[in-house]
Amino acid sequence: MSPQLPRMTRQQAVAALADGVTQDLDAAQSIHALLERQFQAALRHQGAELGALAAELTPALDAMEARRKQRVALVRALHGADGTMAGFIAAQPEPGRARLANAWTELERLVVACKGATTRNGNLLAEQFTVMQRVLHDSDGTYAPR
């Protein structure tokens, strides 16, 4: 075990890794749903809803990041500095290996979907901001009194 994880047995580390993947899978599903709600709120210019969603997203993303860091540390503690989740999963006995591999694949898919939704939402908000800036500060006199 690495010095970062002195009180954890190998079995506890393996269990923590599997549990973290399950927790992240649940979290990613919730985050994706929040991102879809964020998109709808942005389309409808619902500022209060966007603020509330940001308040929900931030701690969920922070918790996922903490689990990711723990996962990296645990995999490295178990399989060396170059250890990967793929290597960790491959080293697990059945029936747990297939279940963990499926959960990991689904988590990777959801993370990609969340990144895509985040990009889409950011682009929409940036476009809306640009439009508002043009409306408020149009230099060609479109909105000037005649």
N, C-alpha and C. Protein backbone atom coordinates (compact mmCIF):
# COMPACT_ATOMS: atom_id res chain seq x y z
N MET A 1 0.83 -1.19 0.00
CA MET A 1 0.00 0.00 0.00
C MET A 1 0.87 1.25 0.00
N SER A 2 0.35 2.28 -0.58
CA SER A 2 1.08 3.55 -0.66
C SER A 2 1.03 4.25 0.70
N PRO A 3 1.96 5.17 0.94
CA PRO A 3 1.93 5.93 2.19
C PRO A 3 0.66 6.76 2.33
N GLN A 4 -0.01 7.10 1.21
CA GLN A 4 -1.24 7.89 1.28
C GLN A 4 -2.39 7.08 1.87
N LEU A 5 -2.31 5.77 1.83
CA LEU A 5 -3.41 4.91 2.24
C LEU A 5 -2.94 3.87 3.26
N PRO A 6 -2.33 4.31 4.37
CA PRO A 6 -1.69 3.35 5.28
C PRO A 6 -2.66 2.47 6.06
N ARG A 7 -3.88 2.89 6.24
CA ARG A 7 -4.79 2.14 7.11
C ARG A 7 -5.76 1.27 6.32
N MET A 8 -5.57 1.14 5.03
CA MET A 8 -6.50 0.41 4.20
C MET A 8 -5.86 -0.90 3.74
N THR A 9 -6.57 -1.97 3.96
CA THR A 9 -6.07 -3.25 3.45
C THR A 9 -6.32 -3.33 1.95
N ARG A 10 -5.70 -4.29 1.30
CA ARG A 10 -5.91 -4.49 -0.14
C ARG A 10 -7.40 -4.73 -0.41
N GLN A 11 -8.03 -5.56 0.39
CA GLN A 11 -9.45 -5.87 0.22
C GLN A 11 -10.31 -4.61 0.39
N GLN A 12 -9.97 -3.78 1.37
CA GLN A 12 -10.70 -2.54 1.57
C GLN A 12 -10.50 -1.58 0.39
N ALA A 13 -9.28 -1.54 -0.15
CA ALA A 13 -9.00 -0.68 -1.29
C ALA A 13 -9.79 -1.12 -2.51
N VAL A 14 -9.85 -2.42 -2.76
CA VAL A 14 -10.62 -2.96 -3.89
C VAL A 14 -12.10 -2.62 -3.70
N ALA A 15 -12.60 -2.81 -2.50
CA ALA A 15 -14.01 -2.50 -2.22
C ALA A 15 -14.28 -1.00 -2.40
N ALA A 16 -13.36 -0.17 -1.95
CA ALA A 16 -13.53 1.28 -2.09
C ALA A 16 -13.54 1.69 -3.56
N LEU A 17 -12.68 1.06 -4.36
CA LEU A 17 -12.67 1.36 -5.80
C LEU A 17 -14.00 0.99 -6.45
N ALA A 18 -14.48 -0.20 -6.18
CA ALA A 18 -15.75 -0.65 -6.77
C ALA A 18 -16.90 0.23 -6.30
N ASP A 19 -16.90 0.56 -5.01
CA ASP A 19 -17.96 1.41 -4.47
C ASP A 19 -17.91 2.81 -5.08
N GLY A 20 -16.70 3.35 -5.27
CA GLY A 20 -16.55 4.67 -5.87
C GLY A 20 -17.08 4.72 -7.29
N VAL A 21 -16.86 3.64 -8.05
CA VAL A 21 -17.38 3.59 -9.42
C VAL A 21 -18.91 3.59 -9.38
N THR A 22 -19.48 2.81 -8.47
CA THR A 22 -20.94 2.77 -8.35
C THR A 22 -21.49 4.14 -7.96
N GLN A 23 -20.84 4.79 -7.00
CA GLN A 23 -21.28 6.12 -6.58
C GLN A 23 -21.17 7.13 -7.72
N ASP A 24 -20.07 7.05 -8.48
CA ASP A 24 -19.90 7.96 -9.60
C ASP A 24 -20.90 7.69 -10.71
N LEU A 25 -21.25 6.44 -10.91
CA LEU A 25 -22.26 6.11 -11.92
C LEU A 25 -23.60 6.75 -11.55
N ASP A 26 -23.99 6.62 -10.29
CA ASP A 26 -25.22 7.26 -9.82
C ASP A 26 -25.13 8.78 -9.94
N ALA A 27 -23.98 9.33 -9.54
CA ALA A 27 -23.79 10.78 -9.60
C ALA A 27 -23.82 11.29 -11.03
N ALA A 28 -23.18 10.57 -11.95
CA ALA A 28 -23.14 11.00 -13.35
C ALA A 28 -24.55 11.00 -13.95
N GLN A 29 -25.36 10.04 -13.57
CA GLN A 29 -26.75 10.03 -14.06
C GLN A 29 -27.49 11.26 -13.55
N SER A 30 -27.31 11.58 -12.28
CA SER A 30 -27.96 12.77 -11.71
C SER A 30 -27.43 14.05 -12.34
N ILE A 31 -26.13 14.12 -12.55
CA ILE A 31 -25.52 15.31 -13.15
C ILE A 31 -26.03 15.50 -14.57
N HIS A 32 -26.13 14.41 -15.31
CA HIS A 32 -26.64 14.52 -16.68
C HIS A 32 -28.07 15.07 -16.68
N ALA A 33 -28.89 14.59 -15.77
CA ALA A 33 -30.26 15.09 -15.67
C ALA A 33 -30.26 16.58 -15.30
N LEU A 34 -29.38 17.00 -14.40
CA LEU A 34 -29.28 18.42 -14.05
C LEU A 34 -28.83 19.25 -15.24
N LEU A 35 -27.91 18.73 -16.03
CA LEU A 35 -27.45 19.45 -17.21
C LEU A 35 -28.56 19.60 -18.24
N GLU A 36 -29.41 18.60 -18.36
CA GLU A 36 -30.56 18.72 -19.26
C GLU A 36 -31.53 19.78 -18.75
N ARG A 37 -31.75 19.81 -17.44
CA ARG A 37 -32.61 20.85 -16.86
C ARG A 37 -31.97 22.23 -17.06
N GLN A 38 -30.66 22.30 -16.94
CA GLN A 38 -29.95 23.56 -17.14
C GLN A 38 -30.16 24.07 -18.57
N PHE A 39 -30.09 23.18 -19.53
CA PHE A 39 -30.29 23.56 -20.93
C PHE A 39 -31.70 24.12 -21.12
N GLN A 40 -32.69 23.43 -20.57
CA GLN A 40 -34.07 23.90 -20.71
C GLN A 40 -34.25 25.26 -20.03
N ALA A 41 -33.64 25.44 -18.88
CA ALA A 41 -33.74 26.72 -18.17
C ALA A 41 -33.05 27.83 -18.97
N ALA A 42 -31.94 27.51 -19.60
CA ALA A 42 -31.25 28.51 -20.43
C ALA A 42 -32.10 28.88 -21.65
N LEU A 43 -32.71 27.90 -22.26
CA LEU A 43 -33.58 28.18 -23.41
C LEU A 43 -34.71 29.12 -23.02
N ARG A 44 -35.20 28.99 -21.81
CA ARG A 44 -36.34 29.78 -21.33
C ARG A 44 -35.91 31.03 -20.56
N HIS A 45 -34.59 31.28 -20.52
CA HIS A 45 -34.04 32.45 -19.84
C HIS A 45 -34.48 32.51 -18.37
N GLN A 46 -34.45 31.37 -17.70
CA GLN A 46 -34.86 31.28 -16.30
C GLN A 46 -33.62 31.40 -15.40
N GLY A 47 -33.27 32.63 -15.11
CA GLY A 47 -32.06 32.91 -14.34
C GLY A 47 -32.05 32.29 -12.96
N ALA A 48 -33.17 32.36 -12.26
CA ALA A 48 -33.23 31.80 -10.91
C ALA A 48 -33.02 30.28 -10.95
N GLU A 49 -33.64 29.64 -11.93
CA GLU A 49 -33.48 28.19 -12.08
C GLU A 49 -32.03 27.84 -12.42
N LEU A 50 -31.39 28.64 -13.26
CA LEU A 50 -29.98 28.40 -13.59
C LEU A 50 -29.10 28.50 -12.35
N GLY A 51 -29.39 29.47 -11.50
CA GLY A 51 -28.64 29.62 -10.26
C GLY A 51 -28.84 28.44 -9.33
N ALA A 52 -30.08 27.98 -9.22
CA ALA A 52 -30.38 26.84 -8.35
C ALA A 52 -29.70 25.58 -8.87
N LEU A 53 -29.69 25.41 -10.18
CA LEU A 53 -29.05 24.23 -10.77
C LEU A 53 -27.54 24.28 -10.57
N ALA A 54 -26.96 25.45 -10.69
CA ALA A 54 -25.52 25.59 -10.45
C ALA A 54 -25.19 25.21 -9.00
N ALA A 55 -26.08 25.59 -8.08
CA ALA A 55 -25.87 25.25 -6.67
C ALA A 55 -25.96 23.75 -6.44
N GLU A 56 -26.72 23.03 -7.25
CA GLU A 56 -26.80 21.57 -7.15
C GLU A 56 -25.63 20.91 -7.86
N LEU A 57 -25.24 21.45 -8.99
CA LEU A 57 -24.17 20.84 -9.78
C LEU A 57 -22.81 20.91 -9.09
N THR A 58 -22.51 22.04 -8.50
CA THR A 58 -21.18 22.25 -7.94
C THR A 58 -20.79 21.20 -6.90
N PRO A 59 -21.60 20.94 -5.87
CA PRO A 59 -21.18 19.92 -4.91
C PRO A 59 -21.15 18.51 -5.50
N ALA A 60 -22.04 18.24 -6.44
CA ALA A 60 -22.04 16.91 -7.08
C ALA A 60 -20.76 16.70 -7.87
N LEU A 61 -20.34 17.73 -8.59
CA LEU A 61 -19.10 17.63 -9.36
C LEU A 61 -17.88 17.57 -8.45
N ASP A 62 -17.90 18.33 -7.36
CA ASP A 62 -16.80 18.29 -6.40
C ASP A 62 -16.65 16.90 -5.78
N ALA A 63 -17.77 16.28 -5.44
CA ALA A 63 -17.73 14.94 -4.85
C ALA A 63 -17.20 13.93 -5.86
N MET A 64 -17.61 14.05 -7.11
CA MET A 64 -17.10 13.15 -8.15
C MET A 64 -15.60 13.32 -8.33
N GLU A 65 -15.14 14.55 -8.30
CA GLU A 65 -13.71 14.81 -8.44
C GLU A 65 -12.93 14.21 -7.27
N ALA A 66 -13.48 14.30 -6.08
CA ALA A 66 -12.81 13.71 -4.91
C ALA A 66 -12.73 12.19 -5.06
N ARG A 67 -13.80 11.58 -5.54
CA ARG A 67 -13.76 10.12 -5.75
C ARG A 67 -12.79 9.75 -6.86
N ARG A 68 -12.69 10.59 -7.89
CA ARG A 68 -11.73 10.32 -8.97
C ARG A 68 -10.31 10.33 -8.43
N LYS A 69 -10.01 11.34 -7.61
CA LYS A 69 -8.66 11.43 -7.02
C LYS A 69 -8.38 10.21 -6.14
N GLN A 70 -9.38 9.80 -5.35
CA GLN A 70 -9.20 8.62 -4.51
C GLN A 70 -8.98 7.38 -5.38
N ARG A 71 -9.75 7.29 -6.47
CA ARG A 71 -9.63 6.14 -7.37
C ARG A 71 -8.22 6.06 -7.95
N VAL A 72 -7.69 7.19 -8.41
CA VAL A 72 -6.34 7.23 -8.97
C VAL A 72 -5.33 6.78 -7.91
N ALA A 73 -5.47 7.30 -6.70
CA ALA A 73 -4.54 6.93 -5.63
C ALA A 73 -4.63 5.45 -5.30
N LEU A 74 -5.85 4.93 -5.25
CA LEU A 74 -6.02 3.51 -4.92
C LEU A 74 -5.46 2.61 -6.02
N VAL A 75 -5.74 2.93 -7.26
CA VAL A 75 -5.22 2.12 -8.37
C VAL A 75 -3.69 2.14 -8.36
N ARG A 76 -3.12 3.30 -8.12
CA ARG A 76 -1.65 3.39 -8.07
C ARG A 76 -1.09 2.65 -6.87
N ALA A 77 -1.81 2.68 -5.76
CA ALA A 77 -1.35 1.94 -4.57
C ALA A 77 -1.40 0.43 -4.83
N LEU A 78 -2.39 0.00 -5.58
CA LEU A 78 -2.55 -1.44 -5.85
C LEU A 78 -1.72 -1.94 -7.03
N HIS A 79 -1.51 -1.09 -8.04
CA HIS A 79 -0.87 -1.55 -9.28
C HIS A 79 0.33 -0.71 -9.71
N GLY A 80 0.84 0.12 -8.84
CA GLY A 80 2.02 0.91 -9.17
C GLY A 80 1.66 2.25 -9.79
N ALA A 81 2.71 3.06 -9.97
CA ALA A 81 2.53 4.43 -10.45
C ALA A 81 1.88 4.50 -11.82
N ASP A 82 2.04 3.47 -12.63
CA ASP A 82 1.45 3.46 -13.97
C ASP A 82 0.14 2.68 -14.02
N GLY A 83 -0.42 2.34 -12.85
CA GLY A 83 -1.66 1.57 -12.81
C GLY A 83 -2.82 2.32 -13.44
N THR A 84 -3.71 1.55 -14.09
CA THR A 84 -4.89 2.13 -14.73
C THR A 84 -6.13 1.37 -14.26
N MET A 85 -7.28 1.97 -14.47
CA MET A 85 -8.53 1.27 -14.16
C MET A 85 -8.68 0.02 -15.01
N ALA A 86 -8.29 0.10 -16.27
CA ALA A 86 -8.38 -1.08 -17.14
C ALA A 86 -7.55 -2.23 -16.57
N GLY A 87 -6.35 -1.90 -16.12
CA GLY A 87 -5.50 -2.93 -15.51
C GLY A 87 -6.08 -3.45 -14.21
N PHE A 88 -6.62 -2.55 -13.41
CA PHE A 88 -7.24 -2.96 -12.16
C PHE A 88 -8.42 -3.89 -12.42
N ILE A 89 -9.29 -3.51 -13.35
CA ILE A 89 -10.47 -4.32 -13.66
C ILE A 89 -10.05 -5.68 -14.18
N ALA A 90 -9.06 -5.70 -15.07
CA ALA A 90 -8.60 -6.97 -15.65
C ALA A 90 -8.05 -7.92 -14.58
N ALA A 91 -7.53 -7.37 -13.49
CA ALA A 91 -6.94 -8.20 -12.44
C ALA A 91 -7.98 -8.73 -11.44
N GLN A 92 -9.23 -8.30 -11.58
CA GLN A 92 -10.26 -8.73 -10.63
C GLN A 92 -10.81 -10.10 -11.00
N PRO A 93 -11.15 -10.88 -9.98
CA PRO A 93 -11.75 -12.19 -10.25
C PRO A 93 -13.22 -12.03 -10.65
N GLU A 94 -13.73 -13.02 -11.32
CA GLU A 94 -15.17 -13.06 -11.63
C GLU A 94 -15.90 -13.50 -10.37
N PRO A 95 -17.14 -13.15 -10.18
CA PRO A 95 -18.03 -12.45 -11.10
C PRO A 95 -17.91 -10.93 -11.01
N GLY A 96 -17.14 -10.43 -10.06
CA GLY A 96 -17.04 -8.99 -9.87
C GLY A 96 -16.43 -8.25 -11.04
N ARG A 97 -15.52 -8.90 -11.76
CA ARG A 97 -14.83 -8.22 -12.87
C ARG A 97 -15.83 -7.75 -13.93
N ALA A 98 -16.72 -8.62 -14.36
CA ALA A 98 -17.67 -8.24 -15.42
C ALA A 98 -18.59 -7.12 -14.95
N ARG A 99 -19.04 -7.20 -13.73
CA ARG A 99 -19.93 -6.17 -13.19
C ARG A 99 -19.20 -4.82 -13.13
N LEU A 100 -17.96 -4.85 -12.64
CA LEU A 100 -17.16 -3.62 -12.55
C LEU A 100 -16.84 -3.08 -13.94
N ALA A 101 -16.50 -3.95 -14.87
CA ALA A 101 -16.19 -3.52 -16.24
C ALA A 101 -17.40 -2.86 -16.88
N ASN A 102 -18.58 -3.44 -16.69
CA ASN A 102 -19.81 -2.85 -17.23
C ASN A 102 -20.10 -1.49 -16.60
N ALA A 103 -19.94 -1.40 -15.29
CA ALA A 103 -20.18 -0.13 -14.59
C ALA A 103 -19.19 0.93 -15.07
N TRP A 104 -17.93 0.54 -15.24
CA TRP A 104 -16.90 1.48 -15.69
C TRP A 104 -17.19 1.96 -17.11
N THR A 105 -17.59 1.06 -17.99
CA THR A 105 -17.93 1.43 -19.37
C THR A 105 -19.11 2.40 -19.39
N GLU A 106 -20.12 2.11 -18.59
CA GLU A 106 -21.29 3.00 -18.52
C GLU A 106 -20.90 4.35 -17.93
N LEU A 107 -20.04 4.35 -16.92
CA LEU A 107 -19.58 5.62 -16.34
C LEU A 107 -18.83 6.44 -17.38
N GLU A 108 -17.95 5.80 -18.12
CA GLU A 108 -17.22 6.52 -19.17
C GLU A 108 -18.19 7.11 -20.20
N ARG A 109 -19.21 6.34 -20.59
CA ARG A 109 -20.20 6.83 -21.55
C ARG A 109 -20.94 8.04 -20.99
N LEU A 110 -21.35 7.96 -19.72
CA LEU A 110 -22.07 9.07 -19.11
C LEU A 110 -21.20 10.31 -18.95
N VAL A 111 -19.94 10.12 -18.62
CA VAL A 111 -19.04 11.27 -18.49
C VAL A 111 -18.90 11.98 -19.83
N VAL A 112 -18.79 11.22 -20.91
CA VAL A 112 -18.72 11.83 -22.25
C VAL A 112 -20.03 12.58 -22.54
N ALA A 113 -21.16 11.99 -22.19
CA ALA A 113 -22.45 12.64 -22.40
C ALA A 113 -22.55 13.93 -21.58
N CYS A 114 -22.06 13.90 -20.35
CA CYS A 114 -22.08 15.10 -19.50
C CYS A 114 -21.17 16.18 -20.07
N LYS A 115 -20.01 15.79 -20.57
CA LYS A 115 -19.11 16.78 -21.17
C LYS A 115 -19.77 17.41 -22.40
N GLY A 116 -20.43 16.59 -23.21
CA GLY A 116 -21.13 17.12 -24.37
C GLY A 116 -22.24 18.07 -23.98
N ALA A 117 -23.01 17.71 -22.95
CA ALA A 117 -24.10 18.57 -22.48
C ALA A 117 -23.55 19.87 -21.90
N THR A 118 -22.42 19.79 -21.21
CA THR A 118 -21.80 20.98 -20.64
C THR A 118 -21.35 21.92 -21.75
N THR A 119 -20.75 21.37 -22.79
CA THR A 119 -20.32 22.18 -23.93
C THR A 119 -21.52 22.84 -24.61
N ARG A 120 -22.56 22.04 -24.85
CA ARG A 120 -23.78 22.56 -25.47
C ARG A 120 -24.36 23.70 -24.63
N ASN A 121 -24.47 23.48 -23.31
CA ASN A 121 -25.04 24.49 -22.43
C ASN A 121 -24.19 25.76 -22.43
N GLY A 122 -22.89 25.57 -22.35
CA GLY A 122 -21.99 26.72 -22.35
C GLY A 122 -22.09 27.52 -23.64
N ASN A 123 -22.18 26.81 -24.76
CA ASN A 123 -22.32 27.50 -26.05
C ASN A 123 -23.62 28.28 -26.12
N LEU A 124 -24.71 27.70 -25.63
CA LEU A 124 -26.00 28.40 -25.63
C LEU A 124 -25.93 29.65 -24.77
N LEU A 125 -25.39 29.51 -23.56
CA LEU A 125 -25.30 30.67 -22.68
C LEU A 125 -24.39 31.75 -23.26
N ALA A 126 -23.29 31.37 -23.88
CA ALA A 126 -22.39 32.34 -24.50
C ALA A 126 -23.09 33.04 -25.66
N GLU A 127 -23.85 32.29 -26.44
CA GLU A 127 -24.59 32.88 -27.57
C GLU A 127 -25.63 33.87 -27.05
N GLN A 128 -26.33 33.48 -25.98
CA GLN A 128 -27.33 34.38 -25.41
C GLN A 128 -26.67 35.65 -24.87
N PHE A 129 -25.53 35.50 -24.24
CA PHE A 129 -24.80 36.65 -23.71
C PHE A 129 -24.38 37.58 -24.85
N THR A 130 -23.88 37.00 -25.93
CA THR A 130 -23.46 37.80 -27.08
C THR A 130 -24.63 38.58 -27.68
N VAL A 131 -25.76 37.91 -27.80
CA VAL A 131 -26.95 38.58 -28.33
C VAL A 131 -27.34 39.74 -27.42
N MET A 132 -27.35 39.51 -26.13
CA MET A 132 -27.72 40.58 -25.20
C MET A 132 -26.72 41.74 -25.26
N GLN A 133 -25.45 41.44 -25.42
CA GLN A 133 -24.45 42.50 -25.53
C GLN A 133 -24.70 43.33 -26.78
N ARG A 134 -25.06 42.66 -27.88
CA ARG A 134 -25.35 43.40 -29.11
C ARG A 134 -26.58 44.28 -28.94
N VAL A 135 -27.60 43.74 -28.28
CA VAL A 135 -28.82 44.51 -28.07
C VAL A 135 -28.54 45.72 -27.19
N LEU A 136 -27.76 45.53 -26.15
CA LEU A 136 -27.50 46.62 -25.20
C LEU A 136 -26.46 47.62 -25.69
N HIS A 137 -25.52 47.17 -26.49
CA HIS A 137 -24.40 48.03 -26.86
C HIS A 137 -24.18 48.08 -28.37
N ASP A 138 -25.24 47.98 -29.13
CA ASP A 138 -25.12 47.97 -30.59
C ASP A 138 -24.58 49.30 -31.06
N SER A 139 -23.50 49.28 -31.82
CA SER A 139 -22.85 50.52 -32.26
C SER A 139 -23.39 51.02 -33.59
N ASP A 140 -24.22 50.24 -34.28
CA ASP A 140 -24.69 50.72 -35.58
C ASP A 140 -25.98 51.53 -35.47
N GLY A 141 -26.45 51.78 -34.27
CA GLY A 141 -27.61 52.62 -34.08
C GLY A 141 -28.95 51.96 -34.31
N THR A 142 -28.98 50.65 -34.42
CA THR A 142 -30.23 49.94 -34.65
C THR A 142 -31.28 50.29 -33.62
N TYR A 143 -30.85 50.44 -32.37
CA TYR A 143 -31.81 50.72 -31.30
C TYR A 143 -31.75 52.17 -30.84
N ALA A 144 -31.15 53.02 -31.63
CA ALA A 144 -31.08 54.44 -31.27
C ALA A 144 -32.39 55.13 -31.67
N PRO A 145 -32.77 56.20 -30.92
CA PRO A 145 -34.00 56.94 -31.28
C PRO A 145 -33.84 57.56 -32.66
N ARG A 146 -34.96 57.66 -33.38
CA ARG A 146 -34.92 58.23 -34.75
C ARG A 146 -35.54 59.59 -34.77
